Amino acid sequence: MAYGLEVYAANGTIIIDVSSREARSVGSDRTASIANGAFVDVTVSGMTSGDNWAVYVTPVSPPNSFNSQKYTSVRNSGYFRITNNMQVASAFDYIVIRTG
């Protein structure tokens, strides 16, 4: 007999069972302020660039303009990189998620 969580729809269809791959938070934090045109690497133990990892990033002090979207985050093996091109310095909040 298997042990674990099983979730069923009203019609009896299994939605989640012991073999499901659910997402979980691996960590979250805030970077120090990153100057315009600069980047910071954040180390995450066990991280790969594969699709079972996700990084959600948002600037703490974005400009009130089109430039507020000019930042990137890229997953790599063991870390991810946040690059700031918003024309102003800002710290960034981030959450790291993993499935499987």
C-alpha atoms as a PDB file:
ATOM      1  CA  MET A   1       0.000   0.000   0.000  1.00  0.00           C
ATOM      2  CA  ALA A   2       1.355   3.431  -0.988  1.00  0.00           C
ATOM      3  CA  TYR A   3       1.314   6.285   1.482  1.00  0.00           C
ATOM      4  CA  GLY A   4       0.901   9.920   0.583  1.00  0.00           C
ATOM      5  CA  LEU A   5      -1.536  12.558  -0.547  1.00  0.00           C
ATOM      6  CA  GLU A   6      -4.158  11.802  -3.183  1.00  0.00           C
ATOM      7  CA  VAL A   7      -6.562  14.451  -4.468  1.00  0.00           C
ATOM      8  CA  TYR A   8      -9.635  13.541  -6.521  1.00  0.00           C
ATOM      9  CA  ALA A   9     -11.998  15.624  -8.647  1.00  0.00           C
ATOM     10  CA  ALA A  10     -15.743  15.411  -7.976  1.00  0.00           C
ATOM     11  CA  ASN A  11     -16.070  12.796 -10.759  1.00  0.00           C
ATOM     12  CA  GLY A  12     -13.444  10.541  -9.148  1.00  0.00           C
ATOM     13  CA  THR A  13     -10.530  11.441 -11.447  1.00  0.00           C
ATOM     14  CA  ILE A  14      -7.174  11.579  -9.646  1.00  0.00           C
ATOM     15  CA  ILE A  15      -5.746  15.102  -9.793  1.00  0.00           C
ATOM     16  CA  ILE A  16      -2.702  14.607  -7.536  1.00  0.00           C
ATOM     17  CA  ASP A  17      -1.230  11.310  -6.346  1.00  0.00           C
ATOM     18  CA  VAL A  18       2.034  10.040  -4.882  1.00  0.00           C
ATOM     19  CA  SER A  19       3.751  10.135  -8.284  1.00  0.00           C
ATOM     20  CA  SER A  20       2.785  13.779  -9.077  1.00  0.00           C
ATOM     21  CA  ARG A  21       5.522  16.350  -9.544  1.00  0.00           C
ATOM     22  CA  GLU A  22       4.550  19.370  -7.479  1.00  0.00           C
ATOM     23  CA  ALA A  23       6.403  22.671  -7.195  1.00  0.00           C
ATOM     24  CA  ARG A  24       8.089  23.735  -3.973  1.00  0.00           C
ATOM     25  CA  SER A  25       9.908  26.832  -2.891  1.00  0.00           C
ATOM     26  CA  VAL A  26      13.656  26.313  -2.597  1.00  0.00           C
ATOM     27  CA  GLY A  27      14.411  29.793  -1.306  1.00  0.00           C
ATOM     28  CA  SER A  28      13.731  33.490  -1.476  1.00  0.00           C
ATOM     29  CA  ASP A  29      15.595  36.647  -0.569  1.00  0.00           C
ATOM     30  CA  ARG A  30      16.505  40.149  -1.681  1.00  0.00           C
ATOM     31  CA  THR A  31      19.721  41.104  -3.447  1.00  0.00           C
ATOM     32  CA  ALA A  32      21.814  44.119  -2.568  1.00  0.00           C
ATOM     33  CA  SER A  33      21.287  47.095  -4.854  1.00  0.00           C
ATOM     34  CA  ILE A  34      22.447  46.381  -8.416  1.00  0.00           C
ATOM     35  CA  ALA A  35      23.718  49.347 -10.440  1.00  0.00           C
ATOM     36  CA  ASN A  36      22.401  49.989 -13.938  1.00  0.00           C
ATOM     37  CA  GLY A  37      24.274  47.779 -16.412  1.00  0.00           C
ATOM     38  CA  ALA A  38      25.548  45.463 -13.663  1.00  0.00           C
ATOM     39  CA  PHE A  39      24.557  41.956 -12.576  1.00  0.00           C
ATOM     40  CA  VAL A  40      24.633  39.731  -9.518  1.00  0.00           C
ATOM     41  CA  ASP A  41      24.982  35.936  -9.367  1.00  0.00           C
ATOM     42  CA  VAL A  42      22.916  34.144  -6.709  1.00  0.00           C
ATOM     43  CA  THR A  43      24.158  30.685  -5.707  1.00  0.00           C
ATOM     44  CA  VAL A  44      21.513  27.948  -5.354  1.00  0.00           C
ATOM     45  CA  SER A  45      22.701  24.516  -4.252  1.00  0.00           C
ATOM     46  CA  GLY A  46      21.747  21.803  -6.749  1.00  0.00           C
ATOM     47  CA  MET A  47      20.261  24.179  -9.322  1.00  0.00           C
ATOM     48  CA  THR A  48      20.458  23.259 -12.997  1.00  0.00           C
ATOM     49  CA  SER A  49      19.410  25.178 -16.091  1.00  0.00           C
ATOM     50  CA  GLY A  50      16.683  22.569 -16.682  1.00  0.00           C
ATOM     51  CA  ASP A  51      12.955  23.222 -16.935  1.00  0.00           C
ATOM     52  CA  ASN A  52      12.249  21.846 -13.442  1.00  0.00           C
ATOM     53  CA  TRP A  53      13.688  25.068 -11.935  1.00  0.00           C
ATOM     54  CA  ALA A  54      12.073  28.518 -12.047  1.00  0.00           C
ATOM     55  CA  VAL A  55      13.224  31.889 -10.737  1.00  0.00           C
ATOM     56  CA  TYR A  56      10.749  34.724 -10.195  1.00  0.00           C
ATOM     57  CA  VAL A  57      12.386  38.157  -9.922  1.00  0.00           C
ATOM     58  CA  THR A  58      10.943  41.601  -9.288  1.00  0.00           C
ATOM     59  CA  PRO A  59      12.727  44.929  -8.755  1.00  0.00           C
ATOM     60  CA  VAL A  60      12.259  46.689  -5.422  1.00  0.00           C
ATOM     61  CA  SER A  61      12.697  50.234  -6.824  1.00  0.00           C
ATOM     62  CA  PRO A  62      11.809  50.189 -10.534  1.00  0.00           C
ATOM     63  CA  PRO A  63      11.592  53.460 -12.447  1.00  0.00           C
ATOM     64  CA  ASN A  64       8.150  54.758 -13.305  1.00  0.00           C
ATOM     65  CA  SER A  65       8.703  54.280 -17.038  1.00  0.00           C
ATOM     66  CA  PHE A  66       9.059  51.738 -19.833  1.00  0.00           C
ATOM     67  CA  ASN A  67      12.535  50.914 -18.431  1.00  0.00           C
ATOM     68  CA  SER A  68      10.937  49.165 -15.431  1.00  0.00           C
ATOM     69  CA  GLN A  69      10.874  45.922 -17.467  1.00  0.00           C
ATOM     70  CA  LYS A  70      14.533  46.055 -18.533  1.00  0.00           C
ATOM     71  CA  TYR A  71      16.035  43.375 -16.309  1.00  0.00           C
ATOM     72  CA  THR A  72      16.697  39.677 -16.847  1.00  0.00           C
ATOM     73  CA  SER A  73      17.268  36.536 -14.841  1.00  0.00           C
ATOM     74  CA  VAL A  74      19.009  33.514 -16.363  1.00  0.00           C
ATOM     75  CA  ARG A  75      19.299  30.056 -14.756  1.00  0.00           C
ATOM     76  CA  ASN A  76      22.662  28.324 -14.841  1.00  0.00           C
ATOM     77  CA  SER A  77      24.130  25.272 -13.168  1.00  0.00           C
ATOM     78  CA  GLY A  78      24.486  26.143  -9.465  1.00  0.00           C
ATOM     79  CA  TYR A  79      23.327  29.766  -9.721  1.00  0.00           C
ATOM     80  CA  PHE A  80      21.158  32.296 -11.512  1.00  0.00           C
ATOM     81  CA  ARG A  81      22.111  35.757 -12.740  1.00  0.00           C
ATOM     82  CA  ILE A  82      20.049  38.945 -12.436  1.00  0.00           C
ATOM     83  CA  THR A  83      21.074  41.739 -14.823  1.00  0.00           C
ATOM     84  CA  ASN A  84      19.781  45.279 -14.311  1.00  0.00           C
ATOM     85  CA  ASN A  85      19.322  47.538 -17.376  1.00  0.00           C
ATOM     86  CA  MET A  86      16.532  49.751 -15.972  1.00  0.00           C
ATOM     87  CA  GLN A  87      18.676  52.937 -16.039  1.00  0.00           C
ATOM     88  CA  VAL A  88      18.458  53.132 -12.198  1.00  0.00           C
ATOM     89  CA  ALA A  89      19.962  51.077  -9.378  1.00  0.00           C
ATOM     90  CA  SER A  90      17.617  48.683  -7.591  1.00  0.00           C
ATOM     91  CA  ALA A  91      17.622  45.687  -5.294  1.00  0.00           C
ATOM     92  CA  PHE A  92      15.608  42.669  -6.482  1.00  0.00           C
ATOM     93  CA  ASP A  93      13.352  40.248  -4.627  1.00  0.00           C
ATOM     94  CA  TYR A  94      13.450  36.662  -5.886  1.00  0.00           C
ATOM     95  CA  ILE A  95      11.835  33.270  -5.296  1.00  0.00           C
ATOM     96  CA  VAL A  96      13.359  29.986  -6.520  1.00  0.00           C
ATOM     97  CA  ILE A  97      10.939  27.128  -7.292  1.00  0.00           C
ATOM     98  CA  ARG A  98      11.668  23.497  -8.164  1.00  0.00           C
ATOM     99  CA  THR A  99       9.384  20.729  -9.397  1.00  0.00           C
ATOM    100  CA  GLY A 100       9.895  17.009  -9.069  1.00  0.00           C
END
